[in-house]
N, C-alpha and C. Protein backbone atom coordinates (compact mmCIF):
# COMPACT_ATOMS: atom_id res chain seq x y z
N THR A 1 -8.77 -36.89 33.54
CA THR A 1 -9.45 -38.27 33.71
C THR A 1 -8.64 -38.94 34.70
N VAL A 2 -9.29 -39.82 35.62
CA VAL A 2 -8.71 -40.62 36.50
C VAL A 2 -8.56 -42.07 36.11
N GLU A 3 -7.47 -42.61 36.07
CA GLU A 3 -7.30 -43.98 35.65
C GLU A 3 -7.87 -44.89 36.66
N ARG A 4 -8.66 -45.84 36.26
CA ARG A 4 -9.47 -46.83 37.18
C ARG A 4 -8.39 -47.89 37.48
N LYS A 5 -7.99 -48.36 38.58
CA LYS A 5 -7.16 -49.37 38.90
C LYS A 5 -8.00 -50.59 39.44
N ILE A 6 -7.73 -51.76 38.87
CA ILE A 6 -8.54 -52.97 39.54
C ILE A 6 -7.49 -53.76 40.20
N ASP A 7 -7.96 -54.06 41.43
CA ASP A 7 -7.07 -54.98 42.39
C ASP A 7 -7.10 -56.47 41.91
N MET A 8 -6.13 -56.88 41.23
CA MET A 8 -6.20 -58.20 40.76
C MET A 8 -5.87 -59.29 41.75
N SER A 9 -5.64 -58.93 42.99
CA SER A 9 -5.29 -59.83 44.13
C SER A 9 -6.39 -60.55 44.64
N LYS A 10 -7.69 -59.97 44.38
CA LYS A 10 -8.84 -60.62 44.66
C LYS A 10 -9.78 -60.88 43.51
N PRO A 11 -10.45 -62.04 43.50
CA PRO A 11 -11.21 -62.24 42.52
C PRO A 11 -12.58 -61.32 42.39
N THR A 12 -12.90 -60.91 41.23
CA THR A 12 -14.03 -60.09 41.20
C THR A 12 -15.36 -60.83 41.47
N LYS A 13 -16.33 -60.36 42.16
CA LYS A 13 -17.50 -60.99 42.41
C LYS A 13 -18.60 -60.83 41.41
N THR A 14 -19.48 -61.84 41.18
CA THR A 14 -20.54 -61.61 40.33
C THR A 14 -21.81 -62.22 40.96
N ASN A 15 -23.03 -61.84 40.42
CA ASN A 15 -24.16 -62.39 40.83
C ASN A 15 -24.52 -63.77 40.39
N VAL A 16 -23.67 -64.32 39.58
CA VAL A 16 -23.93 -65.77 39.17
C VAL A 16 -23.12 -66.63 40.05
N PRO A 17 -23.66 -67.77 40.52
CA PRO A 17 -22.82 -68.78 41.38
C PRO A 17 -21.77 -69.28 40.62
N GLU A 18 -20.66 -69.69 41.34
CA GLU A 18 -19.51 -70.30 40.61
C GLU A 18 -19.95 -71.67 40.18
N LYS A 19 -19.14 -72.25 39.39
CA LYS A 19 -19.34 -73.62 38.84
C LYS A 19 -19.56 -74.61 40.04
N ASN A 20 -18.81 -74.64 40.91
CA ASN A 20 -18.79 -75.43 41.97
C ASN A 20 -20.15 -75.34 42.93
N GLU A 21 -20.42 -74.09 43.05
CA GLU A 21 -21.72 -73.81 43.74
C GLU A 21 -23.10 -74.41 43.04
N LYS A 22 -22.88 -74.09 41.77
CA LYS A 22 -24.02 -74.73 40.87
C LYS A 22 -24.05 -76.21 40.92
N LEU A 23 -22.88 -76.87 40.86
CA LEU A 23 -22.88 -78.32 40.89
C LEU A 23 -23.34 -78.69 42.28
N ASP A 24 -23.01 -78.14 43.30
CA ASP A 24 -23.32 -78.42 44.73
C ASP A 24 -24.87 -78.31 44.86
N ARG A 25 -25.39 -77.35 44.31
CA ARG A 25 -26.92 -77.12 44.37
C ARG A 25 -27.62 -78.18 43.58
N LEU A 26 -27.21 -78.35 42.49
CA LEU A 26 -27.74 -79.55 41.60
C LEU A 26 -27.77 -80.83 42.32
N ASN A 27 -26.71 -81.14 43.02
CA ASN A 27 -26.43 -82.36 43.89
C ASN A 27 -27.60 -82.29 44.94
N GLN A 28 -27.82 -81.17 45.48
CA GLN A 28 -28.80 -81.10 46.67
C GLN A 28 -30.10 -81.41 46.08
N ILE A 29 -30.42 -80.85 44.88
CA ILE A 29 -31.77 -80.94 44.30
C ILE A 29 -31.92 -82.56 43.96
N TYR A 30 -30.90 -83.15 43.47
CA TYR A 30 -31.05 -84.53 43.15
C TYR A 30 -31.30 -85.37 44.50
N SER A 31 -30.71 -84.92 45.46
CA SER A 31 -30.91 -85.63 46.76
C SER A 31 -32.24 -85.42 47.35
N HIS A 32 -32.69 -84.09 47.31
CA HIS A 32 -33.91 -83.76 48.12
C HIS A 32 -35.17 -83.28 47.23
N ALA A 33 -35.02 -83.59 45.83
CA ALA A 33 -36.18 -83.17 44.98
C ALA A 33 -36.22 -81.66 44.88
N LEU A 34 -37.21 -81.20 44.21
CA LEU A 34 -37.39 -79.72 44.03
C LEU A 34 -38.15 -79.10 45.32
N SER A 35 -37.27 -79.06 46.34
CA SER A 35 -37.96 -78.81 47.67
C SER A 35 -37.83 -77.42 48.12
N ALA A 36 -36.65 -76.78 47.74
CA ALA A 36 -36.40 -75.33 48.04
C ALA A 36 -36.94 -74.41 47.01
N LYS A 37 -37.12 -73.05 47.58
CA LYS A 37 -37.74 -72.01 46.71
C LYS A 37 -36.74 -71.65 45.70
N GLY A 38 -37.32 -71.59 44.54
CA GLY A 38 -36.28 -71.29 43.33
C GLY A 38 -35.64 -72.35 42.71
N ASP A 39 -35.72 -73.67 43.26
CA ASP A 39 -35.16 -74.75 42.65
C ASP A 39 -35.67 -75.15 41.26
N SER A 40 -36.69 -74.97 40.84
CA SER A 40 -37.19 -75.22 39.42
C SER A 40 -36.59 -74.26 38.55
N ALA A 41 -36.66 -72.89 38.80
CA ALA A 41 -35.92 -71.87 37.95
C ALA A 41 -34.51 -72.08 37.86
N PHE A 42 -33.93 -72.48 38.90
CA PHE A 42 -32.48 -72.73 39.02
C PHE A 42 -32.07 -73.89 37.98
N LEU A 43 -32.90 -75.02 38.20
CA LEU A 43 -32.56 -76.15 37.28
C LEU A 43 -32.79 -75.91 35.77
N HIS A 44 -33.93 -75.05 35.66
CA HIS A 44 -34.19 -74.68 34.22
C HIS A 44 -33.11 -73.79 33.72
N ASP A 45 -32.48 -72.94 34.25
CA ASP A 45 -31.41 -72.17 33.75
C ASP A 45 -30.19 -72.84 33.54
N CYS A 46 -30.02 -73.95 34.47
CA CYS A 46 -28.69 -74.67 34.36
C CYS A 46 -28.84 -75.64 32.97
N LEU A 47 -30.08 -75.87 32.49
CA LEU A 47 -30.27 -76.63 31.30
C LEU A 47 -29.58 -75.88 30.13
N TYR A 48 -29.34 -74.68 30.33
CA TYR A 48 -28.90 -73.63 29.35
C TYR A 48 -27.44 -73.16 29.66
N ASP A 49 -26.82 -73.78 30.61
CA ASP A 49 -25.60 -73.08 31.18
C ASP A 49 -24.53 -73.19 30.18
N LYS A 50 -23.59 -72.29 30.21
CA LYS A 50 -22.44 -72.37 29.30
C LYS A 50 -21.41 -73.29 29.65
N ASP A 51 -21.34 -73.71 30.90
CA ASP A 51 -20.37 -74.81 31.34
C ASP A 51 -20.92 -76.06 31.06
N TYR A 52 -20.08 -76.87 30.36
CA TYR A 52 -20.55 -78.21 29.84
C TYR A 52 -20.87 -79.25 31.02
N LEU A 53 -20.09 -79.18 32.09
CA LEU A 53 -20.41 -80.10 33.22
C LEU A 53 -21.65 -79.69 34.08
N VAL A 54 -21.76 -78.42 34.20
CA VAL A 54 -23.00 -77.97 34.96
C VAL A 54 -24.32 -78.23 34.00
N ARG A 55 -24.12 -78.08 32.73
CA ARG A 55 -25.45 -78.39 31.93
C ARG A 55 -25.77 -79.82 31.84
N SER A 56 -24.63 -80.70 31.79
CA SER A 56 -24.81 -82.03 31.83
C SER A 56 -25.42 -82.51 32.96
N LYS A 57 -24.96 -82.03 34.02
CA LYS A 57 -25.54 -82.40 35.43
C LYS A 57 -27.08 -82.00 35.58
N ALA A 58 -27.38 -80.91 35.07
CA ALA A 58 -28.81 -80.48 35.04
C ALA A 58 -29.67 -81.29 34.37
N PHE A 59 -29.24 -81.93 33.15
CA PHE A 59 -29.98 -82.83 32.40
C PHE A 59 -30.24 -84.17 33.35
N TYR A 60 -29.05 -84.65 33.97
CA TYR A 60 -29.13 -85.70 34.87
C TYR A 60 -30.03 -85.75 35.90
N VAL A 61 -30.13 -84.48 36.56
CA VAL A 61 -31.28 -84.07 37.50
C VAL A 61 -32.60 -84.22 37.17
N ALA A 62 -32.70 -83.53 35.90
CA ALA A 62 -34.06 -83.43 35.28
C ALA A 62 -34.61 -84.84 34.86
N GLU A 63 -33.81 -85.77 34.68
CA GLU A 63 -34.23 -87.17 34.46
C GLU A 63 -34.96 -87.69 35.62
N LYS A 64 -34.75 -87.20 36.86
CA LYS A 64 -35.30 -87.61 38.10
C LYS A 64 -36.43 -86.82 38.46
N TYR A 65 -36.27 -85.43 38.22
CA TYR A 65 -37.30 -84.44 38.68
C TYR A 65 -37.65 -83.43 37.64
N CYS A 66 -38.86 -83.28 37.32
CA CYS A 66 -39.36 -82.35 36.28
C CYS A 66 -40.69 -81.70 36.76
N ASP A 67 -40.84 -80.39 36.54
CA ASP A 67 -42.06 -79.89 36.63
C ASP A 67 -42.45 -79.00 35.50
N GLU A 68 -43.43 -78.20 35.49
CA GLU A 68 -43.81 -77.52 34.33
C GLU A 68 -42.79 -76.47 33.94
N VAL A 69 -42.14 -75.87 34.88
CA VAL A 69 -41.03 -74.91 34.47
C VAL A 69 -40.01 -75.64 33.80
N ILE A 70 -39.61 -76.74 34.12
CA ILE A 70 -38.48 -77.40 33.57
C ILE A 70 -38.83 -78.09 32.28
N TRP A 71 -40.07 -78.48 32.25
CA TRP A 71 -40.50 -79.18 30.98
C TRP A 71 -40.49 -78.18 29.90
N GLN A 72 -40.82 -76.87 30.08
CA GLN A 72 -40.75 -75.76 29.07
C GLN A 72 -39.27 -75.62 28.50
N GLY A 73 -38.13 -75.84 29.39
CA GLY A 73 -36.95 -75.89 28.88
C GLY A 73 -36.66 -77.10 28.09
N ILE A 74 -37.01 -78.33 28.60
CA ILE A 74 -36.77 -79.47 27.84
C ILE A 74 -37.43 -79.47 26.43
N TYR A 75 -38.49 -78.94 26.30
CA TYR A 75 -39.28 -78.91 25.03
C TYR A 75 -38.59 -77.81 24.08
N ASP A 76 -38.16 -76.92 24.69
CA ASP A 76 -37.55 -75.83 23.95
C ASP A 76 -36.21 -76.27 23.36
N ILE A 77 -35.37 -76.90 24.14
CA ILE A 77 -34.20 -77.59 23.68
C ILE A 77 -34.30 -78.63 22.53
N LEU A 78 -35.40 -79.44 22.87
CA LEU A 78 -35.63 -80.45 21.77
C LEU A 78 -36.04 -79.85 20.50
N ARG A 79 -36.67 -78.76 20.54
CA ARG A 79 -36.95 -78.01 19.10
C ARG A 79 -35.80 -77.32 18.46
N ASN A 80 -34.96 -76.65 19.41
CA ASN A 80 -34.23 -75.70 18.92
C ASN A 80 -32.64 -75.77 19.20
N ASP A 81 -32.22 -76.64 20.04
CA ASP A 81 -30.80 -76.78 20.36
C ASP A 81 -29.89 -77.75 19.46
N ALA A 82 -28.62 -77.78 19.72
CA ALA A 82 -27.80 -78.59 19.06
C ALA A 82 -28.19 -80.12 19.19
N ARG A 83 -27.78 -80.93 18.43
CA ARG A 83 -28.19 -82.38 18.44
C ARG A 83 -27.89 -83.03 19.73
N GLU A 84 -26.75 -82.69 20.31
CA GLU A 84 -26.21 -83.54 21.57
C GLU A 84 -27.34 -83.17 22.63
N TRP A 85 -27.75 -81.93 22.67
CA TRP A 85 -28.73 -81.60 23.82
C TRP A 85 -30.12 -81.91 23.41
N GLN A 86 -30.36 -82.02 22.23
CA GLN A 86 -31.65 -82.53 21.82
C GLN A 86 -31.76 -84.03 22.35
N LEU A 87 -30.80 -84.82 21.96
CA LEU A 87 -30.80 -86.20 22.51
C LEU A 87 -30.86 -86.34 24.07
N ARG A 88 -30.18 -85.39 24.67
CA ARG A 88 -30.40 -85.42 26.16
C ARG A 88 -31.73 -85.15 26.67
N ALA A 89 -32.34 -84.16 26.00
CA ALA A 89 -33.81 -83.81 26.24
C ALA A 89 -34.66 -85.06 26.08
N LEU A 90 -34.35 -85.75 24.99
CA LEU A 90 -35.04 -87.09 24.67
C LEU A 90 -34.92 -88.13 25.82
N SER A 91 -33.77 -88.13 26.41
CA SER A 91 -33.42 -89.08 27.53
C SER A 91 -34.14 -88.72 28.68
N VAL A 92 -34.36 -87.33 28.90
CA VAL A 92 -35.36 -86.97 30.10
C VAL A 92 -36.65 -87.43 29.92
N ILE A 93 -37.16 -87.22 28.66
CA ILE A 93 -38.57 -87.62 28.23
C ILE A 93 -38.70 -89.19 28.48
N CYS A 94 -37.70 -89.86 28.04
CA CYS A 94 -37.84 -91.39 28.18
C CYS A 94 -37.96 -91.86 29.64
N ARG A 95 -37.17 -91.01 30.53
CA ARG A 95 -37.09 -91.49 31.93
C ARG A 95 -38.46 -91.00 32.51
N GLN A 96 -39.00 -89.85 32.13
CA GLN A 96 -40.07 -89.21 32.94
C GLN A 96 -41.32 -89.76 32.38
N ARG A 97 -41.44 -90.21 31.06
CA ARG A 97 -42.53 -90.85 30.47
C ARG A 97 -43.75 -89.85 30.51
N SER A 98 -43.72 -88.63 30.02
CA SER A 98 -44.74 -87.70 30.13
C SER A 98 -45.56 -87.76 28.88
N LEU A 99 -46.75 -87.89 28.91
CA LEU A 99 -47.64 -87.74 27.83
C LEU A 99 -47.67 -86.33 27.08
N SER A 100 -47.33 -85.34 27.88
CA SER A 100 -47.32 -84.17 27.32
C SER A 100 -46.10 -83.88 26.14
N ALA A 101 -45.13 -84.93 26.25
CA ALA A 101 -44.15 -84.79 25.16
C ALA A 101 -44.58 -85.35 23.90
N LEU A 102 -45.73 -86.04 23.71
CA LEU A 102 -46.00 -86.62 22.47
C LEU A 102 -46.07 -85.66 21.12
N PRO A 103 -46.66 -84.43 21.35
CA PRO A 103 -46.61 -83.49 20.06
C PRO A 103 -45.01 -83.14 19.68
N TYR A 104 -44.17 -83.15 20.69
CA TYR A 104 -42.84 -82.75 20.43
C TYR A 104 -42.03 -83.98 19.90
N LEU A 105 -42.45 -85.20 20.37
CA LEU A 105 -41.89 -86.28 19.79
C LEU A 105 -42.31 -86.46 18.26
N LYS A 106 -43.53 -86.19 18.15
CA LYS A 106 -44.03 -86.29 16.62
C LYS A 106 -43.12 -85.46 15.78
N GLU A 107 -42.82 -84.21 16.23
CA GLU A 107 -41.99 -83.40 15.30
C GLU A 107 -40.69 -84.01 15.00
N CYS A 108 -40.07 -84.80 16.02
CA CYS A 108 -38.79 -85.47 15.75
C CYS A 108 -38.93 -86.73 14.78
N LEU A 109 -40.06 -87.37 14.95
CA LEU A 109 -40.40 -88.56 14.20
C LEU A 109 -40.43 -88.25 12.78
N PHE A 110 -41.15 -87.22 12.38
CA PHE A 110 -41.43 -86.82 10.95
C PHE A 110 -40.56 -85.85 10.36
N GLN A 111 -39.41 -86.08 10.43
CA GLN A 111 -38.28 -85.07 9.79
C GLN A 111 -37.06 -86.00 9.20
N ARG A 112 -36.41 -85.48 8.36
CA ARG A 112 -35.28 -86.21 7.79
C ARG A 112 -33.88 -85.68 7.99
N GLU A 113 -33.80 -84.58 8.67
CA GLU A 113 -32.49 -83.84 8.83
C GLU A 113 -31.58 -84.60 9.82
N LYS A 114 -32.33 -85.16 10.96
CA LYS A 114 -31.57 -85.67 12.01
C LYS A 114 -32.09 -87.11 12.46
N PRO A 115 -31.56 -88.05 11.67
CA PRO A 115 -32.07 -89.53 12.00
C PRO A 115 -31.81 -89.85 13.48
N LEU A 116 -30.82 -89.55 14.04
CA LEU A 116 -30.66 -89.89 15.50
C LEU A 116 -31.83 -89.46 16.29
N LEU A 117 -32.45 -88.28 16.11
CA LEU A 117 -33.66 -87.79 16.81
C LEU A 117 -34.78 -88.76 16.59
N ILE A 118 -34.93 -89.31 15.20
CA ILE A 118 -36.05 -90.14 14.97
C ILE A 118 -35.90 -91.38 15.88
N ARG A 119 -34.67 -91.98 15.96
CA ARG A 119 -34.38 -93.09 16.78
C ARG A 119 -34.80 -92.89 18.21
N GLY A 120 -34.20 -91.71 18.69
CA GLY A 120 -34.38 -91.33 20.27
C GLY A 120 -35.96 -91.11 20.39
N ALA A 121 -36.52 -90.39 19.46
CA ALA A 121 -38.04 -89.97 19.81
C ALA A 121 -38.74 -91.32 19.76
N PHE A 122 -38.48 -92.29 18.87
CA PHE A 122 -39.43 -93.64 18.87
C PHE A 122 -39.12 -94.36 20.10
N LEU A 123 -37.91 -94.46 20.61
CA LEU A 123 -37.80 -95.15 21.83
C LEU A 123 -38.39 -94.43 23.12
N ALA A 124 -38.29 -93.16 23.06
CA ALA A 124 -38.95 -92.40 24.16
C ALA A 124 -40.52 -92.73 24.03
N LEU A 125 -41.01 -92.53 22.96
CA LEU A 125 -42.52 -92.89 22.62
C LEU A 125 -42.85 -94.23 23.16
N ALA A 126 -42.07 -95.26 22.82
CA ALA A 126 -42.41 -96.62 23.33
C ALA A 126 -42.29 -96.64 24.82
N GLU A 127 -41.34 -95.91 25.48
CA GLU A 127 -41.46 -95.96 27.00
C GLU A 127 -42.61 -95.25 27.57
N ILE A 128 -43.14 -94.32 27.03
CA ILE A 128 -44.25 -93.59 27.59
C ILE A 128 -45.49 -94.58 27.57
N GLY A 129 -45.61 -95.19 26.39
CA GLY A 129 -46.80 -96.16 26.35
C GLY A 129 -48.17 -95.60 26.40
N GLY A 130 -49.14 -96.31 26.39
CA GLY A 130 -50.66 -95.85 26.44
C GLY A 130 -51.02 -95.78 25.12
N GLU A 131 -52.45 -95.50 24.96
CA GLU A 131 -53.20 -95.56 23.70
C GLU A 131 -52.86 -94.43 22.82
N ALA A 132 -52.52 -93.26 23.24
CA ALA A 132 -52.11 -92.20 22.33
C ALA A 132 -50.67 -92.48 21.87
N SER A 133 -49.88 -93.09 22.61
CA SER A 133 -48.42 -93.41 22.11
C SER A 133 -48.55 -94.45 21.04
N LEU A 134 -49.42 -95.51 21.30
CA LEU A 134 -49.50 -96.58 20.32
C LEU A 134 -50.02 -96.03 19.03
N ALA A 135 -50.96 -95.04 19.06
CA ALA A 135 -51.56 -94.51 17.92
C ALA A 135 -50.45 -93.80 17.09
N LEU A 136 -49.56 -93.04 17.73
CA LEU A 136 -48.67 -92.30 17.26
C LEU A 136 -47.44 -93.23 16.53
N ALA A 137 -47.18 -94.32 17.40
CA ALA A 137 -46.25 -95.42 16.87
C ALA A 137 -46.75 -95.95 15.56
N ALA A 138 -48.05 -96.12 15.61
CA ALA A 138 -48.61 -96.91 14.35
C ALA A 138 -48.45 -95.78 13.15
N GLU A 139 -48.80 -94.51 13.45
CA GLU A 139 -48.66 -93.57 12.33
C GLU A 139 -47.30 -93.60 11.82
N PHE A 140 -46.29 -93.68 12.68
CA PHE A 140 -44.88 -93.57 12.26
C PHE A 140 -44.62 -94.71 11.56
N LEU A 141 -44.90 -96.07 12.03
CA LEU A 141 -44.69 -97.27 11.36
C LEU A 141 -45.19 -97.33 10.03
N ALA A 142 -46.25 -96.52 9.70
CA ALA A 142 -47.01 -96.83 8.44
C ALA A 142 -46.47 -95.77 7.52
N SER A 143 -45.47 -94.89 8.03
CA SER A 143 -44.87 -93.89 7.23
C SER A 143 -43.47 -94.15 6.67
N PRO A 144 -43.08 -93.53 5.54
CA PRO A 144 -41.71 -93.71 4.91
C PRO A 144 -40.59 -93.43 5.91
N PHE A 145 -40.93 -92.48 7.06
CA PHE A 145 -39.93 -92.11 7.94
C PHE A 145 -39.28 -93.30 8.82
N SER A 146 -40.27 -94.34 8.91
CA SER A 146 -39.85 -95.55 9.62
C SER A 146 -38.59 -96.24 8.91
N GLY A 147 -38.49 -96.04 7.71
CA GLY A 147 -37.40 -96.60 6.94
C GLY A 147 -35.94 -96.14 7.40
N TYR A 148 -35.96 -95.03 8.19
CA TYR A 148 -34.63 -94.63 8.74
C TYR A 148 -34.12 -95.54 9.87
N LEU A 149 -35.02 -96.45 10.43
CA LEU A 149 -34.63 -97.27 11.61
C LEU A 149 -34.57 -98.78 11.11
N LYS A 150 -33.66 -99.42 11.75
CA LYS A 150 -33.57 -100.81 11.52
C LYS A 150 -34.82 -101.64 11.96
N THR A 151 -35.12 -102.73 11.23
CA THR A 151 -36.39 -103.46 11.68
C THR A 151 -36.20 -103.97 13.05
N GLU A 152 -35.09 -104.47 13.57
CA GLU A 152 -34.87 -104.83 14.80
C GLU A 152 -35.31 -103.77 15.87
N LEU A 153 -34.96 -102.45 15.68
CA LEU A 153 -35.31 -101.45 16.54
C LEU A 153 -36.72 -101.16 16.57
N LEU A 154 -37.33 -101.02 15.33
CA LEU A 154 -38.80 -100.98 15.25
C LEU A 154 -39.58 -102.02 15.98
N ALA A 155 -39.10 -103.27 15.92
CA ALA A 155 -39.76 -104.38 16.62
C ALA A 155 -39.58 -104.21 18.10
N HIS A 156 -38.51 -103.86 18.61
CA HIS A 156 -38.13 -103.60 20.02
C HIS A 156 -39.06 -102.46 20.49
N GLY A 157 -39.22 -101.36 19.74
CA GLY A 157 -40.03 -100.33 20.16
C GLY A 157 -41.48 -100.65 20.29
N LEU A 158 -41.96 -101.31 19.21
CA LEU A 158 -43.30 -101.82 19.23
C LEU A 158 -43.67 -102.77 20.36
N ALA A 159 -42.66 -103.60 20.62
CA ALA A 159 -42.93 -104.46 21.75
C ALA A 159 -43.10 -103.75 23.09
N VAL A 160 -42.21 -102.73 23.19
CA VAL A 160 -42.23 -101.97 24.57
C VAL A 160 -43.52 -101.17 24.65
N VAL A 161 -43.93 -100.52 23.55
CA VAL A 161 -45.07 -99.74 23.71
C VAL A 161 -46.37 -100.53 23.95
N LEU A 162 -46.40 -101.78 23.27
CA LEU A 162 -47.49 -102.75 23.53
C LEU A 162 -47.51 -103.26 24.99
N SER A 163 -46.42 -103.39 25.43
CA SER A 163 -46.38 -103.80 26.84
C SER A 163 -46.77 -102.75 28.01
N ARG A 164 -46.73 -101.43 27.43
CA ARG A 164 -47.09 -100.40 28.37
C ARG A 164 -48.39 -99.81 27.96
N THR A 165 -49.14 -100.45 27.24
CA THR A 165 -50.48 -100.09 26.88
C THR A 165 -51.49 -101.13 27.11
N GLU A 166 -52.52 -100.75 27.84
CA GLU A 166 -53.66 -101.62 28.28
C GLU A 166 -54.30 -102.28 27.06
N ASN A 167 -54.41 -103.49 26.90
CA ASN A 167 -54.96 -104.25 25.83
C ASN A 167 -54.26 -103.88 24.61
N GLY A 168 -52.96 -103.78 24.79
CA GLY A 168 -51.96 -103.18 23.61
C GLY A 168 -52.15 -104.09 22.47
N ALA A 169 -52.14 -105.43 22.58
CA ALA A 169 -52.18 -106.38 21.40
C ALA A 169 -53.51 -106.37 20.62
N GLU A 170 -54.53 -106.02 21.50
CA GLU A 170 -55.87 -105.85 20.79
C GLU A 170 -56.01 -104.70 19.99
N GLN A 171 -55.51 -103.58 20.70
CA GLN A 171 -55.47 -102.21 19.96
C GLN A 171 -54.68 -102.27 18.71
N TRP A 172 -53.49 -102.95 18.77
CA TRP A 172 -52.68 -103.09 17.69
C TRP A 172 -53.31 -103.84 16.51
N ALA A 173 -54.01 -104.81 16.91
CA ALA A 173 -54.69 -105.76 15.82
C ALA A 173 -55.81 -104.78 15.09
N ARG A 174 -56.45 -103.86 15.80
CA ARG A 174 -57.40 -103.16 15.18
C ARG A 174 -56.76 -102.06 14.44
N LEU A 175 -55.59 -101.51 14.81
CA LEU A 175 -54.92 -100.62 13.91
C LEU A 175 -54.43 -101.16 12.77
N ILE A 176 -53.92 -102.35 12.71
CA ILE A 176 -53.55 -103.16 11.42
C ILE A 176 -54.63 -103.37 10.52
N ALA A 177 -55.68 -103.73 11.14
CA ALA A 177 -56.96 -103.94 10.27
C ALA A 177 -57.48 -102.86 9.53
N ALA A 178 -57.17 -101.61 10.04
CA ALA A 178 -57.77 -100.43 9.37
C ALA A 178 -56.76 -99.78 8.53
N ASP A 179 -55.40 -100.36 8.27
CA ASP A 179 -54.41 -99.55 7.54
C ASP A 179 -53.49 -100.49 6.79
N GLU A 180 -53.58 -100.42 5.52
CA GLU A 180 -52.89 -101.25 4.67
C GLU A 180 -51.42 -101.15 4.80
N ALA A 181 -50.92 -99.95 5.17
CA ALA A 181 -49.45 -99.70 5.42
C ALA A 181 -49.03 -100.49 6.53
N LEU A 182 -49.82 -100.51 7.57
CA LEU A 182 -49.41 -101.23 8.79
C LEU A 182 -49.47 -102.71 8.55
N GLN A 183 -50.34 -103.11 7.61
CA GLN A 183 -50.48 -104.47 7.25
C GLN A 183 -49.19 -105.04 6.49
N ARG A 184 -48.68 -104.14 5.65
CA ARG A 184 -47.44 -104.57 5.16
C ARG A 184 -46.34 -104.46 6.12
N PHE A 185 -46.24 -103.51 6.89
CA PHE A 185 -45.26 -103.43 7.89
C PHE A 185 -45.37 -104.77 8.90
N SER A 186 -46.52 -105.18 9.33
CA SER A 186 -46.61 -106.35 10.04
C SER A 186 -46.17 -107.61 9.36
N LEU A 187 -46.41 -107.65 8.11
CA LEU A 187 -45.97 -108.78 7.39
C LEU A 187 -44.44 -108.75 7.18
N GLN A 188 -43.91 -107.62 6.97
CA GLN A 188 -42.35 -107.47 6.93
C GLN A 188 -41.70 -107.80 8.30
N LEU A 189 -42.43 -107.49 9.39
CA LEU A 189 -41.91 -107.89 10.66
C LEU A 189 -41.96 -109.33 10.87
N GLN A 190 -43.04 -109.91 10.48
CA GLN A 190 -43.21 -111.34 10.64
C GLN A 190 -42.13 -112.16 9.81
N THR A 191 -42.01 -111.72 8.69
CA THR A 191 -40.92 -112.28 7.76
C THR A 191 -39.61 -112.24 8.33
N LYS A 192 -39.39 -111.03 9.00
CA LYS A 192 -37.96 -110.94 9.55
C LYS A 192 -37.90 -111.82 10.87
N ALA A 193 -38.92 -111.96 11.50
CA ALA A 193 -39.00 -112.77 12.81
C ALA A 193 -38.81 -114.25 12.49
N ASP A 194 -39.45 -114.70 11.20
CA ASP A 194 -39.31 -116.04 10.70
C ASP A 194 -37.61 -116.33 10.45
N GLU A 195 -37.06 -115.30 9.89
CA GLU A 195 -35.73 -115.52 9.48
C GLU A 195 -34.72 -115.27 10.70
N ASN A 196 -35.04 -114.68 11.71
CA ASN A 196 -34.23 -114.42 12.92
C ASN A 196 -34.94 -114.75 14.23
N ASP A 197 -34.43 -115.81 14.90
CA ASP A 197 -34.98 -116.32 16.20
C ASP A 197 -34.99 -115.23 17.26
N LEU A 198 -34.17 -114.18 17.06
CA LEU A 198 -33.91 -113.14 18.14
C LEU A 198 -35.09 -112.16 18.12
N LEU A 199 -35.85 -112.16 16.91
CA LEU A 199 -37.07 -111.16 16.82
C LEU A 199 -38.18 -111.75 17.37
């Protein structure tokens, strides 16, 4: 047998770009949008990168630019990844305000294992706004899961989603009239507001 010798004086080359090259390309995407061929697939792959800095930068870029390919990664991470990356996925959703995120936000709202996801999902839902978001917010506020969040945060989220929904106050009044649990929540909110001028 012939012993294989490796020349250690030169770095071995791989097909994967080095960390700095990835970061440079992510910076280019951030500056010029998803303009070059393969940018979407590259950004999607960086969302899963083993290097912490590269992966963090990819989420930062995704907060500015998202398309169908990248959304697939964001929603997959929101469902299946570690909490830190799930929260970063929620941050992307919050910035992008995509209605397609509502079913995934609902999964986060109605679970008990990760309360921080409940908080992040509710705030993202509020930022998206619109009739469907308001309806989901009402469903959440009428549920026991809303008890994981402080009243002040619930009040803030409700105010934001109402401000981002056409005729939000009127729609909210109709939702309250049709749901006893929402009526109790509204009364609780009003009581808190009477006690605290900041609400």
